[in-house]
Amino acid sequence: MSNKKNEDLEMRPREELGERDPFIGKGASHRRAPSNVAVGNAFSKLDNTPGASILAYCLASISMTVVNKYVVSGSEWNLHFFYLVIQSIVCVGAIMVCKQAGMIKNLAPFDTGKARRWFPISVLLVGMIYTGNKALQFLSVPVYTIFKNLTIIVIAYGEVLWFGGSVSPMSLLAFGLMVLSSVVAAWADIQAAINGIGHTGDSTAALSTLNAGYAWMSLNVFCTSSYVLGMRKVIKKMNFKDWDTMFYNNLLTIPVLVVCSLIAEDWSSDNLARNFPIESRNSLLIGMIYSGFGAIFISYCSAWCIRVTSSTTYSMVGALNKLPVAVSGLVFFDAPITFGSVSAIFIGFVSGIVYSWAKVRQSMKSSSLLPTTQPAMSASSQSHKDAANS
């Protein structure tokens, strides 16, 4: 092949080669360079586009919720701990592969001392994710999304009690709207169950399912608030960056989840066959694996959105994103579409916007004051600040 190439060069007229004949190969590479530069510039432009980051964050959040609902929505599904084991293993494996490939450069080596101090936070994370999956199994995606807003209220007052935070009048208005949307959602769901809309079986069984979902949702609100407030208290001492938090969370939860799965879940062949029916086995396994990658996608897209926009824009996007997440439950699953359910989604959507705007005004007010005192920060803001300072 090299001889053929040399013959072709020798057959060319001398005037075509000109004085650059000895460097013809180098000249060819230079001619290809502009296309590579153009591709690099396109990726760089996309990487700094606010709209792309916002769209990516919304798609990652919606896909994660939809996939989780799909996996746990089977009538016979009862392997929640096993599902979380798969999620954590895939997430840790993906992080390690990205680190070896040089895509993640700020992941610190594993520290046994830090692992011992972070372990209680990982246990709280197990409680948060497990109760969330159980609630999602019994509730529709819109109702689940609306009730998640109640976590904001508990965290806000937890910050008031333990971190000296404050609640503005506009935040109180948002909290009132959140409670109202939850009440309307519960009322609409119960009415739909009584009337047989969007539920299979008799109304008694449907109401029993909803009651179980509300019970698990209440536990999830408590576990999520405990995790967020506990993480805020510990993360400053740990000097963790974002990837460190995700790595330790998933790595430390694996042994806990494995033990819980072996003790509390039925590993008989009959139960495995019920949880993984032949007709949907492959899609379930793909969904379980994707959920592990989905956690990384959401983390990356969150950081991307904050980097190319601002924390304020990210907060507003998080509030606005609840609408498409709730609507996705109506589109992909057999969630009842009634006047009450649509009203609850709209009220919850408005409450998120009001709360985000309240936090923006509070931040602007704090920045306009003389820095004689340290203003109270939300748990999420404090976590981002600690990560940035590390």
Protein backbone atom coordinates (compact mmCIF):
# COMPACT_ATOMS: atom_id res chain seq x y z
CA MET A 1 0.00 0.00 0.00
CA SER A 2 2.87 2.40 0.78
CA ASN A 3 4.57 1.61 -2.55
CA LYS A 4 1.35 2.37 -4.43
CA LYS A 5 1.11 5.68 -2.60
CA ASN A 6 4.68 6.62 -3.60
CA GLU A 7 4.01 5.70 -7.22
CA ASP A 8 0.97 7.98 -7.27
CA LEU A 9 3.07 10.83 -5.93
CA GLU A 10 5.76 10.26 -8.55
CA MET A 11 3.17 10.28 -11.35
CA ARG A 12 1.89 13.75 -10.35
CA PRO A 13 3.17 16.75 -12.34
CA ARG A 14 5.87 18.65 -10.57
CA GLU A 15 3.96 21.92 -10.74
CA GLU A 16 1.09 20.37 -8.73
CA LEU A 17 3.41 19.50 -5.88
CA GLY A 18 5.33 22.77 -5.95
CA GLU A 19 7.86 23.56 -3.26
CA ARG A 20 5.85 21.74 -0.60
CA ASP A 21 6.49 18.36 -2.21
CA PRO A 22 8.70 17.02 0.63
CA PHE A 23 5.89 17.76 3.13
CA ILE A 24 2.93 16.47 1.12
CA GLY A 25 1.80 14.20 3.97
CA LYS A 26 1.97 17.00 6.46
CA GLY A 27 0.07 19.26 4.11
CA ALA A 28 -2.73 16.68 3.85
CA SER A 29 -3.03 16.56 7.59
CA HIS A 30 -3.25 20.31 7.66
CA ARG A 31 -6.02 20.19 5.11
CA ARG A 32 -7.97 17.82 7.36
CA ALA A 33 -7.41 19.94 10.44
CA PRO A 34 -10.13 22.55 9.75
CA SER A 35 -12.85 19.87 9.83
CA ASN A 36 -11.57 18.62 13.19
CA VAL A 37 -11.43 22.17 14.48
CA ALA A 38 -14.96 22.78 13.25
CA VAL A 39 -16.24 19.69 15.07
CA GLY A 40 -14.43 20.76 18.23
CA ASN A 41 -15.89 24.24 17.98
CA ALA A 42 -19.38 22.80 17.50
CA PHE A 43 -19.06 20.65 20.62
CA SER A 44 -17.63 23.59 22.56
CA LYS A 45 -20.49 25.80 21.43
CA LEU A 46 -23.02 23.13 22.42
CA ASP A 47 -21.31 22.66 25.78
CA ASN A 48 -21.77 26.35 26.53
CA THR A 49 -25.38 26.59 25.31
CA PRO A 50 -27.82 27.21 28.19
CA GLY A 51 -30.76 25.79 26.26
CA ALA A 52 -28.97 22.50 25.62
CA SER A 53 -28.07 22.07 29.28
CA ILE A 54 -31.64 22.82 30.40
CA LEU A 55 -33.10 20.39 27.86
CA ALA A 56 -30.61 17.69 28.85
CA TYR A 57 -31.45 18.12 32.56
CA CYS A 58 -35.19 17.91 31.88
CA LEU A 59 -34.83 14.82 29.68
CA ALA A 60 -32.59 13.09 32.22
CA SER A 61 -35.03 13.81 35.06
CA ILE A 62 -38.09 12.70 33.10
CA SER A 63 -36.44 9.53 31.81
CA MET A 64 -35.27 8.56 35.30
CA THR A 65 -38.77 8.95 36.77
CA VAL A 66 -40.43 7.10 33.89
CA VAL A 67 -37.93 4.21 34.00
CA ASN A 68 -38.25 3.84 37.77
CA LYS A 69 -42.04 3.79 37.48
CA TYR A 70 -41.88 1.20 34.70
CA VAL A 71 -39.63 -1.14 36.67
CA VAL A 72 -41.56 -1.04 39.95
CA SER A 73 -45.08 -0.83 38.53
CA GLY A 74 -45.50 -4.56 37.98
CA SER A 75 -48.28 -6.06 40.09
CA GLU A 76 -45.90 -8.78 41.34
CA TRP A 77 -42.80 -6.63 41.82
CA ASN A 78 -41.22 -7.00 45.27
CA LEU A 79 -37.44 -6.92 44.70
CA HIS A 80 -36.85 -3.27 45.52
CA PHE A 81 -33.55 -3.81 47.36
CA PHE A 82 -32.21 -5.89 44.48
CA TYR A 83 -33.18 -3.10 42.08
CA LEU A 84 -31.25 -0.57 44.16
CA VAL A 85 -28.23 -2.91 44.26
CA ILE A 86 -28.15 -2.93 40.45
CA GLN A 87 -28.45 0.85 40.38
CA SER A 88 -25.55 1.34 42.79
CA ILE A 89 -23.27 -1.20 41.10
CA VAL A 90 -23.84 0.31 37.66
CA CYS A 91 -23.28 3.83 39.01
CA VAL A 92 -20.02 2.93 40.80
CA GLY A 93 -18.78 0.98 37.79
CA ALA A 94 -19.53 3.85 35.43
CA ILE A 95 -17.75 6.34 37.70
CA MET A 96 -14.64 4.14 37.88
CA VAL A 97 -14.58 3.64 34.10
CA CYS A 98 -14.92 7.39 33.54
CA LYS A 99 -12.11 8.03 36.02
CA GLN A 100 -9.80 5.55 34.28
CA ALA A 101 -10.64 7.14 30.93
CA GLY A 102 -9.73 10.57 32.28
CA MET A 103 -13.26 11.94 32.00
CA ILE A 104 -13.50 12.46 35.77
CA LYS A 105 -10.45 14.18 37.19
CA ASN A 106 -11.59 15.35 40.64
CA LEU A 107 -12.49 12.00 42.25
CA ALA A 108 -10.32 11.53 45.33
CA PRO A 109 -8.95 8.08 46.29
CA PHE A 110 -11.10 6.01 48.62
CA ASP A 111 -10.59 6.99 52.28
CA THR A 112 -11.66 4.49 54.97
CA GLY A 113 -12.01 7.20 57.62
CA LYS A 114 -14.28 9.28 55.42
CA ALA A 115 -16.28 6.17 54.55
CA ARG A 116 -16.96 5.47 58.23
CA ARG A 117 -18.11 9.03 58.84
CA TRP A 118 -20.26 9.08 55.70
CA PHE A 119 -21.85 5.65 56.26
CA PRO A 120 -24.83 6.95 58.34
CA ILE A 121 -25.68 9.36 55.49
CA SER A 122 -25.61 6.45 53.04
CA VAL A 123 -28.02 4.53 55.27
CA LEU A 124 -30.40 7.51 55.19
CA LEU A 125 -30.04 7.51 51.39
CA VAL A 126 -31.12 3.85 51.30
CA GLY A 127 -34.23 4.76 53.27
CA MET A 128 -34.97 7.69 50.98
CA ILE A 129 -34.66 5.74 47.72
CA TYR A 130 -36.40 2.61 49.00
CA THR A 131 -39.43 4.47 50.35
CA GLY A 132 -39.53 6.55 47.18
CA ASN A 133 -39.66 3.45 44.98
CA LYS A 134 -42.35 1.90 47.17
CA ALA A 135 -44.45 5.07 46.97
CA LEU A 136 -43.95 5.21 43.20
CA GLN A 137 -45.13 1.61 42.94
CA PHE A 138 -48.53 2.43 44.48
CA LEU A 139 -49.04 6.03 43.32
CA SER A 140 -49.24 7.58 39.88
CA VAL A 141 -46.34 9.71 38.64
CA PRO A 142 -48.29 13.02 38.88
CA VAL A 143 -49.40 12.35 42.47
CA TYR A 144 -45.89 11.21 43.43
CA THR A 145 -44.36 14.34 41.90
CA ILE A 146 -46.85 16.63 43.67
CA PHE A 147 -46.35 15.02 47.07
CA LYS A 148 -42.57 15.32 46.73
CA ASN A 149 -43.07 19.07 47.14
CA LEU A 150 -43.97 18.47 50.78
CA THR A 151 -40.34 17.52 51.35
CA ILE A 152 -39.38 21.14 50.64
CA ILE A 153 -41.57 22.31 53.53
CA VAL A 154 -40.06 19.85 56.02
CA ILE A 155 -36.50 20.71 54.94
CA ALA A 156 -37.20 24.45 55.19
CA TYR A 157 -38.44 24.20 58.76
CA GLY A 158 -35.65 21.79 59.62
CA GLU A 159 -33.21 24.48 58.54
CA VAL A 160 -35.03 26.98 60.73
CA LEU A 161 -34.70 24.68 63.75
CA TRP A 162 -31.14 23.41 63.30
CA PHE A 163 -29.29 25.87 61.04
CA GLY A 164 -30.85 29.23 61.82
CA GLY A 165 -32.66 29.56 58.50
CA SER A 166 -35.68 31.73 57.84
CA VAL A 167 -38.96 31.43 55.95
CA SER A 168 -40.19 34.46 54.01
CA PRO A 169 -43.89 35.33 53.51
CA MET A 170 -43.62 34.37 49.84
CA SER A 171 -42.19 30.99 50.86
CA LEU A 172 -45.18 30.54 53.17
CA LEU A 173 -47.46 31.25 50.20
CA ALA A 174 -45.61 28.62 48.18
CA PHE A 175 -45.92 26.12 51.04
CA GLY A 176 -49.64 26.76 51.22
CA LEU A 177 -49.96 26.10 47.48
CA MET A 178 -47.92 22.91 47.85
CA VAL A 179 -50.21 21.62 50.59
CA LEU A 180 -53.27 22.61 48.55
CA SER A 181 -51.98 20.80 45.46
CA SER A 182 -51.33 17.66 47.53
CA VAL A 183 -54.85 17.77 49.00
CA VAL A 184 -56.40 18.26 45.56
CA ALA A 185 -54.27 15.45 44.11
CA ALA A 186 -55.26 13.06 46.90
CA TRP A 187 -58.93 13.99 46.54
CA ALA A 188 -58.83 13.50 42.76
CA ASP A 189 -57.03 10.18 43.11
CA ILE A 190 -59.51 8.88 45.68
CA GLN A 191 -62.49 9.99 43.57
CA ALA A 192 -60.99 8.28 40.53
CA ALA A 193 -60.51 5.08 42.55
CA ILE A 194 -64.10 5.15 43.80
CA ASN A 195 -65.43 5.72 40.28
CA GLY A 196 -63.13 3.12 38.74
CA ILE A 197 -61.22 5.61 36.56
CA GLY A 198 -57.65 4.54 35.80
CA HIS A 199 -57.74 1.66 38.28
CA THR A 200 -58.27 -2.03 37.69
CA GLY A 201 -60.32 -4.12 40.09
CA ASP A 202 -62.86 -2.96 42.63
CA SER A 203 -62.77 0.37 44.44
CA THR A 204 -61.85 -1.21 47.77
CA ALA A 205 -58.65 -2.68 46.37
CA ALA A 206 -57.84 0.59 44.60
CA LEU A 207 -58.30 2.60 47.80
CA SER A 208 -56.13 0.12 49.71
CA THR A 209 -53.39 0.60 47.11
CA LEU A 210 -53.64 4.38 47.42
CA ASN A 211 -53.48 4.23 51.22
CA ALA A 212 -50.31 2.15 51.02
CA GLY A 213 -48.86 4.67 48.59
CA TYR A 214 -49.66 7.62 50.84
CA ALA A 215 -48.10 5.82 53.82
CA TRP A 216 -44.89 5.15 51.89
CA MET A 217 -44.93 8.73 50.59
CA SER A 218 -45.09 10.06 54.15
CA LEU A 219 -42.10 7.91 55.10
CA ASN A 220 -40.28 9.14 52.00
CA VAL A 221 -40.83 12.78 52.98
CA PHE A 222 -39.33 12.06 56.40
CA CYS A 223 -36.39 10.02 55.00
CA THR A 224 -35.61 12.56 52.28
CA SER A 225 -35.63 15.45 54.75
CA SER A 226 -33.40 13.51 57.15
CA TYR A 227 -30.96 12.71 54.36
CA VAL A 228 -30.72 16.29 53.06
CA LEU A 229 -30.39 17.87 56.50
CA GLY A 230 -27.95 15.19 57.69
CA MET A 231 -25.84 15.58 54.55
CA ARG A 232 -25.66 19.34 55.06
CA LYS A 233 -24.39 18.81 58.59
CA VAL A 234 -21.69 16.32 57.57
CA ILE A 235 -20.57 17.32 54.07
CA LYS A 236 -18.66 20.42 55.19
CA LYS A 237 -16.40 18.29 57.39
CA MET A 238 -15.82 15.75 54.61
CA ASN A 239 -14.48 18.21 52.01
CA PHE A 240 -16.36 16.29 49.31
CA LYS A 241 -16.76 17.29 45.70
CA ASP A 242 -19.80 16.28 43.65
CA TRP A 243 -18.31 13.05 42.27
CA ASP A 244 -17.00 12.08 45.72
CA THR A 245 -20.51 12.36 47.15
CA MET A 246 -22.01 10.19 44.42
CA PHE A 247 -19.19 7.62 44.60
CA TYR A 248 -19.32 7.17 48.39
CA ASN A 249 -23.12 7.17 48.45
CA ASN A 250 -23.40 4.35 45.92
CA LEU A 251 -20.39 2.36 47.09
CA LEU A 252 -21.37 2.35 50.76
CA THR A 253 -24.99 1.45 50.06
CA ILE A 254 -24.12 -1.74 48.15
CA PRO A 255 -23.39 -3.96 51.20
CA VAL A 256 -26.41 -2.58 53.06
CA LEU A 257 -28.69 -3.24 50.11
CA VAL A 258 -27.28 -6.73 49.50
CA VAL A 259 -27.85 -7.73 53.14
CA CYS A 260 -31.38 -6.26 53.12
CA SER A 261 -32.20 -8.05 49.87
CA LEU A 262 -30.95 -11.42 51.11
CA ILE A 263 -32.82 -11.09 54.41
CA ALA A 264 -36.08 -9.39 53.43
CA GLU A 265 -36.71 -10.49 49.84
CA ASP A 266 -37.83 -13.80 48.38
CA TRP A 267 -35.15 -15.29 46.12
CA SER A 268 -37.06 -18.43 45.16
CA SER A 269 -37.28 -19.33 41.49
CA ASP A 270 -41.06 -18.84 41.53
CA ASN A 271 -40.77 -15.29 42.88
CA LEU A 272 -38.02 -14.43 40.39
CA ALA A 273 -40.26 -15.67 37.58
CA ARG A 274 -43.12 -13.47 38.83
CA ASN A 275 -40.90 -10.40 39.08
CA PHE A 276 -39.24 -11.01 35.72
CA PRO A 277 -41.87 -12.47 33.39
CA ILE A 278 -40.49 -13.75 30.11
CA GLU A 279 -42.38 -11.24 27.97
CA SER A 280 -40.85 -8.22 29.75
CA ARG A 281 -37.66 -9.63 31.26
CA ASN A 282 -35.22 -7.99 28.86
CA SER A 283 -36.87 -4.58 29.03
CA LEU A 284 -36.90 -4.71 32.84
CA LEU A 285 -33.19 -5.54 32.98
CA ILE A 286 -32.40 -2.76 30.51
CA GLY A 287 -34.44 -0.33 32.61
CA MET A 288 -32.63 -1.36 35.80
CA ILE A 289 -29.23 -0.85 34.17
CA TYR A 290 -30.26 2.48 32.65
CA SER A 291 -31.40 3.74 36.05
CA GLY A 292 -27.81 3.43 37.27
CA PHE A 293 -26.55 5.51 34.35
CA GLY A 294 -29.50 7.86 34.80
CA ALA A 295 -28.24 8.91 38.22
CA ILE A 296 -24.95 9.97 36.62
CA PHE A 297 -26.75 11.74 33.77
CA ILE A 298 -28.82 13.79 36.20
CA SER A 299 -25.76 14.71 38.28
CA TYR A 300 -23.78 15.75 35.20
CA CYS A 301 -26.68 17.68 33.66
CA SER A 302 -27.31 19.47 36.97
CA ALA A 303 -23.68 20.60 37.15
CA TRP A 304 -23.75 21.51 33.45
CA CYS A 305 -26.91 23.59 33.86
CA ILE A 306 -25.49 25.47 36.87
CA ARG A 307 -22.18 26.08 35.05
CA VAL A 308 -23.59 27.59 31.85
CA THR A 309 -26.59 29.39 33.41
CA SER A 310 -26.76 30.16 37.13
CA SER A 311 -27.99 28.60 40.34
CA THR A 312 -31.07 30.83 40.07
CA THR A 313 -31.91 29.56 36.60
CA TYR A 314 -31.26 26.00 37.74
CA SER A 315 -33.68 26.49 40.62
CA MET A 316 -36.35 27.78 38.27
CA VAL A 317 -35.74 24.91 35.84
CA GLY A 318 -36.19 22.46 38.69
CA ALA A 319 -39.54 24.04 39.48
CA LEU A 320 -40.69 24.16 35.85
CA ASN A 321 -39.48 20.60 35.27
CA LYS A 322 -42.15 19.22 37.60
CA LEU A 323 -44.79 19.92 34.96
CA PRO A 324 -43.32 17.71 32.20
CA VAL A 325 -42.45 15.02 34.76
CA ALA A 326 -46.07 14.95 35.93
CA VAL A 327 -47.38 15.03 32.36
CA SER A 328 -45.09 12.12 31.45
CA GLY A 329 -47.04 10.01 33.93
CA LEU A 330 -50.23 10.84 32.08
CA VAL A 331 -48.63 10.04 28.72
CA PHE A 332 -46.68 6.84 29.44
CA PHE A 333 -48.86 5.27 32.15
CA ASP A 334 -52.53 4.76 32.82
CA ALA A 335 -52.82 7.66 35.26
CA PRO A 336 -56.38 9.01 35.57
CA ILE A 337 -56.88 12.29 33.71
CA THR A 338 -59.55 14.26 35.52
CA PHE A 339 -60.24 17.90 36.30
CA GLY A 340 -58.91 17.35 39.82
CA SER A 341 -55.65 15.71 38.71
CA VAL A 342 -54.95 18.40 36.11
CA SER A 343 -55.76 21.13 38.65
CA ALA A 344 -53.42 19.55 41.20
CA ILE A 345 -50.59 19.44 38.64
CA PHE A 346 -51.14 23.10 37.76
CA ILE A 347 -51.25 24.23 41.42
CA GLY A 348 -48.11 22.22 42.18
CA PHE A 349 -46.42 23.77 39.15
CA VAL A 350 -47.32 27.29 40.33
CA SER A 351 -46.16 26.52 43.87
CA GLY A 352 -42.74 25.49 42.56
CA ILE A 353 -42.39 28.72 40.62
CA VAL A 354 -43.46 30.82 43.61
CA TYR A 355 -41.01 29.02 45.91
CA SER A 356 -38.13 29.41 43.45
CA TRP A 357 -38.88 33.12 43.07
CA ALA A 358 -39.03 33.44 46.86
CA LYS A 359 -35.55 31.92 47.12
CA VAL A 360 -34.29 34.25 44.39
CA ARG A 361 -35.64 37.31 46.22
CA GLN A 362 -34.20 36.09 49.50
CA SER A 363 -30.80 35.61 47.85
CA MET A 364 -30.92 39.08 46.28
CA LYS A 365 -31.88 40.61 49.60
CA SER A 366 -29.02 38.83 51.39
CA SER A 367 -26.49 39.96 48.78
CA SER A 368 -27.60 43.59 49.10
CA LEU A 369 -26.86 43.65 52.84
CA LEU A 370 -23.48 44.44 54.33
CA PRO A 371 -21.65 41.16 55.10
CA THR A 372 -21.59 41.64 58.86
CA THR A 373 -23.23 38.28 59.45
CA GLN A 374 -23.26 34.99 57.60
CA PRO A 375 -26.70 34.55 55.96
CA ALA A 376 -28.46 31.23 56.36
CA MET A 377 -28.30 29.02 53.29
CA SER A 378 -30.50 26.22 52.07
CA ALA A 379 -29.20 22.67 52.26
CA SER A 380 -28.68 22.45 48.49
CA SER A 381 -26.94 25.84 48.30
CA GLN A 382 -24.69 24.95 51.21
CA SER A 383 -23.74 21.66 49.57
CA HIS A 384 -22.79 23.41 46.33
CA LYS A 385 -20.77 26.00 48.24
CA ASP A 386 -18.91 23.36 50.24
CA ALA A 387 -18.11 21.47 47.05
CA ALA A 388 -16.85 24.64 45.37
CA ASN A 389 -14.63 25.56 48.32
CA SER A 390 -13.06 22.12 48.55
